[in-house]
Each structure stands twice: as structure tokens, then as C-alpha cells.
């Protein structure tokens, strides 16, 4: 055993009892990891929602730099340490959708390589959500985007009113699909005079479930529009529009089934005597409104309002049927192209959307557009996920069909 001298006296000291240097490892393991909130877009319009969320949380927006280089490449520079922390990336989707997606992917990967503990994407409007079904020889782009986000490092997503709730099955990690309907219903009750004389309208049969949910909560009547005025994406041809195969007369080879096949062709002729039934083409009836809208306020509800021609056509029909005011309620106000001008010139009295998508420019062009703030529920979702609390409080009275 080694001997040390202290002031001329000898003492026995065992190295096995000397304190070990921790170099901070013990402190890092004991202390609870914090969290940071970043915005994946540095433009003023897109950071507005992020600032509102951080103000409600009582934290500062994380320091980062997101920009496009002269050749169009996206670059992200995180200005503070994120090691061992829960990171929430807020990304609102402007008109340039593909650039916003790249910003989100690059930032998530930068945080992943900086050893962030969890990376949660707060994407109120999930892009490409309309491309969630196979169309002809296209692809399910929404599923591809889900795989890209997982590969980039995201471990969780908070979104709002997915176009189809089944989209959650595309992801390999948890997805919290929040609802904006409580905020829109509150707007109806507080901002629409005499809303008791209103009727909820679905502008197509596919939107009937959403409209029914609003009508039951507000104790109002329900009307459904059906006919040629609306061309739903569900009515698009889903078959392969190839011409029927007709084999050349002289170029045939014998297949293993005994049928004559054209040489070099990959198309098999049908079995002799078999005729497949032909699906009859759809023929839409004249426009009809199931429900009495005469002398009432008509409130059309939907999840996305982008190209507004269908909404304007529906408003004209409702006016003809006797509705004296027309309101549009939607979660995501994309309002692309000339939508503000078309709304301003139409018989629509008001369009109410949430701030999941920046639309300040459109509001300047059209005073009929109103905004409902949903930062409160997004901030509460962030707080609960970080603290490991149940999310059930945010889904009170939410049914499967809502």
C-alpha cells in the first residue's frame, strides 16, 4: 500500500477509496434533459406561428440559420447545443412546398447528427396529404414523404386534420393528429350573429361525416350537396387507361398455356370464351341540395381550401336555394393562385381558416378571409409530449369519425 507524507507524518492511503473524477458524466445522467423549439424556416411569415407557440410555452425560439444558397441548395446551421435534449421542429408550409420539405429534412438530419435525444416535427399542415391514394400509374407520395422523414431522424410528428386519417399508418413512429374543429366551432358560436339559424353544409357526399360532426355539436341542421357542380378526387378514373390489346395477325408464338401469344409481347391474350364484365361509366345527376337552406345561414365545412372554384360554385347554388349568408370553414387555408380575388368577387360572405398555413398576403388581398389561432393546442401538445403526459386531454369528445 502506498505511503504519503502530510506535515512530516506518515499515513496509509488506499487508492481504492479515493474519489473518482466524473468529468460531468454523472451530472448529465442525473439531470433531466431539457427541450428546444426550432423553426425550420427563417422567413417572417413562417416563423409567426413558431413565435406564438414559444410565447405560450415560456421559452425562446432556438437559434438556427436556414437559407438557400445561390444554386438553390438548402443549408441549415444550428447555433446552440442540442445534445441529449428533446427537439421540436415547427415547420409551416408556404407556397414553395418542396423547399419547405427540404428545410425540414435537412434540419432534422442536422439535429440527429448533433446527438439530439428526440426529434419531434410539428407540421400543422402535412404536405402531399392529398396524394395518399394510388391514381393510375402514379404513386402514393404521402407514404414516400413519411419514409423520408423517418430516415432524416424524426421520431414523432404533431400534425392537424390530416386529409385522410389513415395516413397515420404510413409512419413508423407515433403521429398525433390534432383537431381544429373546437376552435372553428367556438368561432361560429362567438362571431356569427344568429348562428342558431344556420345550417351546416357538406359540399360533397365525401365531406358529410365532417359536416355531421359540426352539426351535432352545434345542434344545427345538415345539408349535403351532390351533382355535377363538384368533381371530387374520389371520382377520378382509377384504372389503367391503356388501349385494349389486339395481337398482330401473323406474329404469334405458342405459350405454355397453349394460347397463341404475339412474339416479343408481354401481354397475354384472355382465355377463350371468357368475357370480363365492363364497369358502367358514372353519370352524375343534376345538382341537388339534400336539406332545406332557404332563409338560413349556410356554413360549408371542409379540411382544406385551396382552389376555390368548387366553393364558389357551391355558394352560388346555395344562394339560389335561398341561403342569405355563406360562410366557409376550413382548417388549412392554402388559397393558391387567384383564390383571394375569386373569393372577393364571389357571393361568399366570409372564409374562416386557421393559422396552420401562413396567409397574411392573401388576407391583404381579400378582407373576407379571417384567421383562427390554434397555437394554444400545439403548445400544449409539445408540453405534454416533453413531460411524458397523456395526450387524451387534447382529444376529449373526439369520435372516430371526426
Protein backbone atom coordinates (compact mmCIF):
# COMPACT_ATOMS: atom_id res chain seq x y z
CA UNK A 1 0.00 0.00 0.00
CA UNK A 2 1.45 3.38 -0.92
CA UNK A 3 2.60 5.77 1.83
CA UNK A 4 2.05 9.55 1.70
CA UNK A 5 3.58 12.21 3.99
CA UNK A 6 1.46 15.02 5.43
CA UNK A 7 3.40 17.51 7.51
CA UNK A 8 6.11 15.04 8.42
CA UNK A 9 3.68 12.26 9.41
CA UNK A 10 3.22 9.10 7.50
CA UNK A 11 -0.28 7.86 6.64
CA UNK A 12 -1.61 4.94 4.74
CA UNK A 13 -3.90 5.86 1.86
CA UNK A 14 -5.76 3.30 -0.21
CA UNK A 15 -6.29 4.32 -3.81
CA UNK A 16 -9.42 2.20 -3.85
CA UNK A 17 -11.15 4.81 -1.63
CA UNK A 18 -10.01 7.94 -3.45
CA UNK A 19 -12.83 9.84 -5.24
CA UNK A 20 -13.04 9.27 -8.98
CA UNK A 21 -13.27 12.13 -11.46
CA UNK A 22 -16.66 12.12 -13.19
CA UNK A 23 -15.90 14.69 -15.94
CA UNK A 24 -19.55 15.69 -15.82
CA UNK A 25 -20.96 12.29 -16.89
CA UNK A 26 -22.71 11.77 -13.57
CA UNK A 27 -24.29 15.23 -13.73
CA UNK A 28 -25.55 14.72 -17.27
CA UNK A 29 -27.19 11.41 -16.40
CA UNK A 30 -28.88 12.66 -13.23
CA UNK A 31 -30.25 15.96 -14.52
CA UNK A 32 -33.38 15.82 -16.63
CA UNK A 33 -32.80 16.70 -20.26
CA UNK A 34 -34.40 19.93 -21.47
CA UNK A 35 -36.05 20.76 -24.74
CA UNK A 36 -35.66 23.29 -27.52
CA UNK A 37 -38.08 24.61 -30.12
CA UNK A 38 -36.72 25.49 -33.56
CA UNK A 39 -38.29 26.85 -36.71
CA UNK A 40 -37.27 25.11 -39.93
CA UNK A 41 -37.97 28.25 -41.94
CA UNK A 42 -36.42 31.64 -41.37
CA UNK A 43 -38.97 33.75 -43.27
CA UNK A 44 -41.13 36.09 -41.21
CA UNK A 45 -44.47 34.64 -42.33
CA UNK A 46 -43.45 31.08 -41.43
CA UNK A 47 -41.89 31.91 -38.05
CA UNK A 48 -45.01 33.73 -36.80
CA UNK A 49 -46.70 30.53 -35.63
CA UNK A 50 -43.44 29.31 -34.05
CA UNK A 51 -43.14 32.56 -32.07
CA UNK A 52 -46.70 32.27 -30.80
CA UNK A 53 -46.08 28.70 -29.66
CA UNK A 54 -42.85 29.58 -27.84
CA UNK A 55 -44.52 32.55 -26.13
CA UNK A 56 -47.20 30.24 -24.75
CA UNK A 57 -44.54 27.77 -23.61
CA UNK A 58 -42.44 30.50 -22.00
CA UNK A 59 -39.27 29.53 -23.90
CA UNK A 60 -37.14 31.21 -26.52
CA UNK A 61 -37.08 30.10 -30.12
CA UNK A 62 -33.93 28.09 -30.80
CA UNK A 63 -31.10 29.83 -32.61
CA UNK A 64 -30.59 28.46 -36.09
CA UNK A 65 -29.99 29.70 -39.61
CA UNK A 66 -31.95 28.26 -42.53
CA UNK A 67 -31.33 29.59 -46.01
CA UNK A 68 -30.94 28.70 -49.69
CA UNK A 69 -27.63 29.16 -51.41
CA UNK A 70 -27.29 30.81 -54.80
CA UNK A 71 -27.62 27.45 -56.57
CA UNK A 72 -30.85 26.63 -54.67
CA UNK A 73 -29.36 24.18 -52.16
CA UNK A 74 -30.77 24.29 -48.62
CA UNK A 75 -28.33 24.91 -45.78
CA UNK A 76 -29.04 24.68 -42.03
CA UNK A 77 -26.75 25.91 -39.26
CA UNK A 78 -27.81 25.13 -35.66
CA UNK A 79 -26.31 27.78 -33.37
CA UNK A 80 -26.64 26.03 -29.98
CA UNK A 81 -26.07 22.64 -28.38
CA UNK A 82 -28.92 20.11 -28.59
CA UNK A 83 -27.14 17.06 -27.16
CA UNK A 84 -29.44 14.83 -25.12
CA UNK A 85 -32.47 17.11 -25.48
CA UNK A 86 -35.98 16.85 -26.92
CA UNK A 87 -36.09 19.00 -30.04
CA UNK A 88 -39.33 20.25 -31.60
CA UNK A 89 -39.13 21.50 -35.18
CA UNK A 90 -42.01 23.73 -36.23
CA UNK A 91 -42.48 23.84 -39.97
CA UNK A 92 -45.36 25.70 -41.56
CA UNK A 93 -45.71 25.07 -45.27
CA UNK A 94 -45.65 28.16 -47.54
CA UNK A 95 -46.39 28.16 -51.25
CA UNK A 96 -42.97 26.68 -52.06
CA UNK A 97 -43.82 23.25 -50.66
CA UNK A 98 -40.75 21.35 -51.87
CA UNK A 99 -38.31 23.87 -50.38
CA UNK A 100 -40.12 23.63 -47.03
CA UNK A 101 -39.83 19.84 -47.10
CA UNK A 102 -36.09 20.02 -47.78
CA UNK A 103 -35.64 22.52 -44.95
CA UNK A 104 -37.39 20.13 -42.58
CA UNK A 105 -35.37 17.11 -43.73
CA UNK A 106 -32.01 18.90 -43.57
CA UNK A 107 -32.70 20.38 -40.13
CA UNK A 108 -33.88 17.02 -38.74
CA UNK A 109 -30.72 15.34 -40.03
CA UNK A 110 -28.53 18.13 -38.62
CA UNK A 111 -30.12 17.67 -35.19
CA UNK A 112 -29.81 13.89 -35.42
CA UNK A 113 -26.09 14.13 -36.12
CA UNK A 114 -25.78 16.61 -33.23
CA UNK A 115 -26.97 13.86 -30.83
CA UNK A 116 -30.44 15.20 -30.04
CA UNK A 117 -32.38 12.78 -27.85
CA UNK A 118 -35.74 13.00 -29.64
CA UNK A 119 -36.69 14.98 -32.75
CA UNK A 120 -40.40 15.82 -32.98
CA UNK A 121 -41.77 17.51 -36.07
CA UNK A 122 -44.63 19.99 -35.56
CA UNK A 123 -46.18 20.09 -39.04
CA UNK A 124 -49.70 21.56 -38.71
CA UNK A 125 -50.45 21.10 -42.41
CA UNK A 126 -48.89 17.91 -43.74
CA UNK A 127 -47.89 18.41 -47.39
CA UNK A 128 -48.77 15.94 -50.14
CA UNK A 129 -51.59 14.61 -47.97
CA UNK A 130 -53.95 14.64 -50.97
CA UNK A 131 -51.64 12.20 -52.75
CA UNK A 132 -52.38 9.39 -50.30
CA UNK A 133 -54.05 7.05 -52.80
CA UNK A 134 -52.88 5.33 -55.96
CA UNK A 135 -54.01 7.09 -59.14
CA UNK A 136 -53.48 5.30 -62.44
CA UNK A 137 -49.73 4.75 -62.76
CA UNK A 138 -48.82 7.39 -60.20
CA UNK A 139 -47.51 6.82 -56.69
CA UNK A 140 -48.53 7.34 -53.08
CA UNK A 141 -46.28 10.34 -52.49
CA UNK A 142 -47.50 10.83 -48.93
CA UNK A 143 -46.06 7.44 -47.95
CA UNK A 144 -42.74 8.32 -49.59
CA UNK A 145 -42.57 11.55 -47.58
CA UNK A 146 -43.29 9.66 -44.36
CA UNK A 147 -40.36 7.33 -45.07
CA UNK A 148 -38.07 10.28 -45.85
CA UNK A 149 -38.91 11.99 -42.55
CA UNK A 150 -38.16 8.82 -40.61
CA UNK A 151 -34.85 8.38 -42.42
CA UNK A 152 -33.89 12.00 -41.67
CA UNK A 153 -34.23 11.35 -37.94
CA UNK A 154 -37.75 12.37 -36.86
CA UNK A 155 -39.13 10.22 -34.03
CA UNK A 156 -42.60 11.73 -33.62
CA UNK A 157 -44.95 14.08 -35.51
CA UNK A 158 -47.62 16.51 -34.35
CA UNK A 159 -49.99 17.50 -37.14
CA UNK A 160 -53.57 18.73 -37.52
CA UNK A 161 -56.55 17.45 -39.51
CA UNK A 162 -54.86 15.06 -41.92
CA UNK A 163 -56.69 14.86 -45.23
CA UNK A 164 -57.28 11.17 -44.52
CA UNK A 165 -56.80 9.79 -41.01
CA UNK A 166 -55.42 6.57 -42.48
CA UNK A 167 -52.25 8.50 -43.40
CA UNK A 168 -51.03 7.83 -39.85
CA UNK A 169 -50.41 4.23 -40.93
CA UNK A 170 -47.70 5.38 -43.36
CA UNK A 171 -45.37 6.30 -40.48
CA UNK A 172 -43.09 4.03 -38.48
CA UNK A 173 -43.26 6.34 -35.43
CA UNK A 174 -46.10 7.97 -33.42
CA UNK A 175 -48.33 10.58 -35.06
CA UNK A 176 -50.64 12.88 -33.07
CA UNK A 177 -53.37 14.15 -35.41
CA UNK A 178 -54.89 17.11 -33.54
CA UNK A 179 -58.26 18.68 -34.41
CA UNK A 180 -59.06 22.29 -35.23
CA UNK A 181 -62.84 21.83 -35.00
CA UNK A 182 -63.12 23.06 -31.36
CA UNK A 183 -61.62 26.42 -32.38
CA UNK A 184 -63.76 26.74 -35.51
CA UNK A 185 -66.91 25.79 -33.60
CA UNK A 186 -66.06 28.42 -30.99
CA UNK A 187 -65.69 30.99 -33.77
CA UNK A 188 -69.14 30.08 -35.10
CA UNK A 189 -70.70 30.49 -31.67
CA UNK A 190 -68.99 33.79 -30.86
CA UNK A 191 -68.54 35.57 -34.21
CA UNK A 192 -71.53 34.61 -36.37
CA UNK A 193 -74.65 36.54 -35.33
CA UNK A 194 -77.78 34.41 -35.09
CA UNK A 195 -75.82 31.21 -35.72
CA UNK A 196 -78.82 29.28 -34.36
CA UNK A 197 -80.46 29.98 -37.69
CA UNK A 198 -77.56 28.39 -39.57
CA UNK A 199 -77.27 25.04 -41.32
CA UNK A 200 -74.05 23.05 -41.82
CA UNK A 201 -73.38 22.14 -45.45
CA UNK A 202 -71.20 19.40 -46.94
CA UNK A 203 -70.30 20.43 -50.49
CA UNK A 204 -69.91 16.76 -51.46
CA UNK A 205 -71.01 13.41 -50.01
CA UNK A 206 -67.38 12.66 -49.08
CA UNK A 207 -67.43 15.63 -46.65
CA UNK A 208 -70.68 14.55 -44.99
CA UNK A 209 -69.05 12.98 -41.92
CA UNK A 210 -67.13 16.14 -41.07
CA UNK A 211 -70.24 18.27 -41.59
CA UNK A 212 -72.31 15.90 -39.46
CA UNK A 213 -69.82 16.26 -36.61
CA UNK A 214 -70.17 20.06 -36.69
CA UNK A 215 -73.96 19.88 -36.94
CA UNK A 216 -74.30 17.53 -33.96
CA UNK A 217 -72.03 19.63 -31.75
CA UNK A 218 -73.77 22.90 -32.66
CA UNK A 219 -77.27 21.32 -32.58
CA UNK A 220 -77.89 22.51 -36.12
CA UNK A 221 -79.35 21.00 -39.27
CA UNK A 222 -77.33 19.31 -42.01
CA UNK A 223 -77.45 19.68 -45.79
CA UNK A 224 -75.45 17.73 -48.38
CA UNK A 225 -74.76 18.84 -51.95
CA UNK A 226 -74.49 16.33 -54.75
CA UNK A 227 -74.29 16.63 -58.50
CA UNK A 228 -72.30 17.99 -61.41
CA UNK A 229 -71.10 21.15 -59.65
CA UNK A 230 -68.46 19.18 -57.73
CA UNK A 231 -65.79 16.93 -59.21
CA UNK A 232 -64.29 15.04 -56.31
CA UNK A 233 -60.88 13.44 -56.43
CA UNK A 234 -62.66 10.22 -55.46
CA UNK A 235 -64.35 10.25 -58.88
CA UNK A 236 -61.12 10.28 -60.82
CA UNK A 237 -60.52 7.29 -63.07
CA UNK A 238 -58.51 4.73 -61.14
CA UNK A 239 -58.00 2.28 -63.98
CA UNK A 240 -55.10 1.99 -66.38
CA UNK A 241 -56.05 3.98 -69.45
CA UNK A 242 -54.22 1.77 -71.92
CA UNK A 243 -55.98 0.84 -75.19
CA UNK A 244 -57.16 -2.79 -75.41
CA UNK A 245 -54.56 -5.15 -76.83
CA UNK A 246 -55.08 -6.52 -80.33
CA UNK A 247 -52.39 -9.01 -81.42
CA UNK A 248 -50.95 -8.76 -84.94
CA UNK A 249 -52.39 -11.26 -87.38
CA UNK A 250 -49.16 -13.01 -88.49
CA UNK A 251 -46.79 -12.69 -85.47
CA UNK A 252 -47.75 -15.38 -82.97
CA UNK A 253 -45.90 -17.81 -80.75
CA UNK A 254 -47.17 -20.71 -78.69
CA UNK A 255 -47.28 -20.01 -74.92
CA UNK A 256 -47.00 -22.62 -72.20
CA UNK A 257 -50.80 -22.49 -71.69
CA UNK A 258 -51.48 -23.42 -75.26
CA UNK A 259 -52.69 -19.93 -76.16
CA UNK A 260 -51.30 -18.06 -79.12
CA UNK A 261 -49.26 -15.05 -77.97
CA UNK A 262 -47.66 -12.32 -80.07
CA UNK A 263 -43.92 -12.78 -80.33
CA UNK A 264 -41.97 -10.41 -78.11
CA UNK A 265 -45.14 -9.24 -76.33
CA UNK A 266 -45.62 -9.24 -72.56
CA UNK A 267 -49.44 -9.05 -72.89
CA UNK A 268 -51.30 -12.34 -72.51
CA UNK A 269 -54.43 -12.89 -74.50
CA UNK A 270 -57.54 -13.73 -72.47
CA UNK A 271 -58.69 -17.32 -72.15
CA UNK A 272 -61.09 -18.37 -74.92
CA UNK A 273 -64.73 -17.86 -74.05
CA UNK A 274 -64.07 -15.54 -71.08
CA UNK A 275 -65.59 -12.05 -71.17
CA UNK A 276 -64.96 -9.80 -68.18
CA UNK A 277 -67.88 -7.58 -67.15
CA UNK A 278 -67.44 -3.94 -68.15
CA UNK A 279 -67.96 -1.33 -65.44
CA UNK A 280 -70.60 1.18 -66.45
CA UNK A 281 -69.42 4.79 -66.65
CA UNK A 282 -70.64 7.20 -63.99
CA UNK A 283 -73.25 9.77 -64.90
CA UNK A 284 -73.74 12.49 -62.32
CA UNK A 285 -77.28 13.70 -61.67
CA UNK A 286 -78.21 17.37 -61.86
CA UNK A 287 -77.13 19.41 -58.84
CA UNK A 288 -79.22 18.74 -55.77
CA UNK A 289 -79.14 20.00 -52.20
CA UNK A 290 -80.43 17.48 -49.69
CA UNK A 291 -81.74 19.69 -46.91
CA UNK A 292 -83.60 23.00 -46.59
CA UNK A 293 -81.30 26.04 -46.73
CA UNK A 294 -83.97 28.64 -47.51
CA UNK A 295 -83.77 31.70 -45.26
CA UNK A 296 -80.76 30.34 -43.37
CA UNK A 297 -77.05 30.96 -42.90
CA UNK A 298 -75.14 28.27 -44.81
CA UNK A 299 -71.82 27.16 -43.28
CA UNK A 300 -69.72 24.97 -45.58
CA UNK A 301 -67.07 22.96 -43.68
CA UNK A 302 -64.00 21.21 -45.09
CA UNK A 303 -60.40 20.43 -44.14
CA UNK A 304 -58.55 22.22 -46.98
CA UNK A 305 -59.47 25.22 -49.10
CA UNK A 306 -57.06 25.67 -51.98
CA UNK A 307 -58.55 26.18 -55.44
CA UNK A 308 -61.82 27.86 -54.55
CA UNK A 309 -63.84 27.29 -57.73
CA UNK A 310 -65.79 24.42 -56.16
CA UNK A 311 -66.60 26.50 -53.09
CA UNK A 312 -67.74 29.44 -55.22
CA UNK A 313 -69.96 27.17 -57.32
CA UNK A 314 -71.46 25.67 -54.16
CA UNK A 315 -72.10 29.15 -52.76
CA UNK A 316 -73.97 30.15 -55.94
CA UNK A 317 -76.21 27.09 -55.69
CA UNK A 318 -76.93 27.77 -52.02
CA UNK A 319 -77.83 31.38 -52.84
CA UNK A 320 -80.26 30.14 -55.48
CA UNK A 321 -81.80 27.82 -52.89
CA UNK A 322 -82.47 30.76 -50.56
CA UNK A 323 -79.47 30.96 -48.18
CA UNK A 324 -78.86 34.60 -47.29
CA UNK A 325 -75.28 34.26 -45.96
CA UNK A 326 -72.48 31.89 -46.93
CA UNK A 327 -69.56 31.03 -44.65
CA UNK A 328 -66.64 28.70 -45.44
CA UNK A 329 -64.88 26.94 -42.54
CA UNK A 330 -61.62 25.08 -43.22
CA UNK A 331 -58.58 24.08 -41.20
CA UNK A 332 -55.90 24.71 -43.82
CA UNK A 333 -56.19 27.85 -45.93
CA UNK A 334 -53.76 27.24 -48.81
CA UNK A 335 -55.63 29.73 -51.03
CA UNK A 336 -53.38 29.25 -54.04
CA UNK A 337 -53.21 31.24 -57.28
CA UNK A 338 -56.07 33.76 -57.67
CA UNK A 339 -58.11 32.41 -54.76
CA UNK A 340 -58.27 35.76 -52.84
CA UNK A 341 -59.56 37.65 -55.88
CA UNK A 342 -62.12 34.95 -56.71
CA UNK A 343 -63.40 34.92 -53.14
CA UNK A 344 -63.67 38.71 -53.07
CA UNK A 345 -65.75 38.72 -56.25
CA UNK A 346 -67.98 35.80 -55.20
CA UNK A 347 -71.15 35.58 -53.13
CA UNK A 348 -69.21 34.09 -50.21
CA UNK A 349 -69.52 36.35 -47.16
CA UNK A 350 -66.58 35.04 -45.13
CA UNK A 351 -63.82 32.42 -45.28
CA UNK A 352 -62.52 31.28 -41.88
CA UNK A 353 -59.26 29.30 -41.70
CA UNK A 354 -56.65 28.59 -39.02
CA UNK A 355 -53.02 29.73 -38.98
CA UNK A 356 -51.60 26.29 -39.81
CA UNK A 357 -50.52 27.81 -43.13
CA UNK A 358 -49.26 31.41 -43.49
CA UNK A 359 -51.74 33.50 -45.49
CA UNK A 360 -51.16 37.11 -44.49
CA UNK A 361 -50.65 38.18 -48.10
CA UNK A 362 -53.98 36.64 -49.10
CA UNK A 363 -55.73 38.47 -46.25
CA UNK A 364 -54.43 41.78 -47.56
CA UNK A 365 -55.91 40.97 -50.96
CA UNK A 366 -59.25 39.77 -49.57
CA UNK A 367 -60.76 41.19 -46.34
CA UNK A 368 -63.27 38.31 -46.30
CA UNK A 369 -60.55 35.92 -45.07
CA UNK A 370 -60.45 35.55 -41.27
CA UNK A 371 -57.94 33.65 -39.12
CA UNK A 372 -58.38 31.48 -36.03
CA UNK A 373 -55.30 30.91 -33.87
CA UNK A 374 -54.53 27.26 -32.98
CA UNK A 375 -51.13 27.84 -31.35
CA UNK A 376 -52.65 27.02 -27.95
CA UNK A 377 -53.29 23.34 -28.69
CA UNK A 378 -49.94 22.93 -30.48
CA UNK A 379 -48.08 24.39 -27.48
CA UNK A 380 -49.98 22.12 -25.08
CA UNK A 381 -49.13 19.09 -27.23
CA UNK A 382 -45.43 20.00 -27.10
CA UNK A 383 -45.53 20.43 -23.32
CA UNK A 384 -47.30 17.10 -22.76
CA UNK A 385 -45.00 15.12 -25.05
CA UNK A 386 -41.88 16.50 -23.38
CA UNK A 387 -43.23 15.82 -19.87
CA UNK A 388 -44.46 12.35 -20.78
CA UNK A 389 -48.09 13.22 -20.04
CA UNK A 390 -51.15 11.68 -21.65
CA UNK A 391 -52.49 13.30 -24.82
CA UNK A 392 -56.05 12.20 -24.05
CA UNK A 393 -56.95 15.67 -22.74
CA UNK A 394 -56.46 17.09 -26.25
CA UNK A 395 -58.86 14.52 -27.73
CA UNK A 396 -61.80 14.93 -25.37
CA UNK A 397 -65.12 14.09 -27.04
CA UNK A 398 -63.34 13.36 -30.34
CA UNK A 399 -65.06 10.43 -32.07
CA UNK A 400 -63.51 8.07 -34.59
CA UNK A 401 -65.33 9.75 -37.50
CA UNK A 402 -64.31 13.30 -36.51
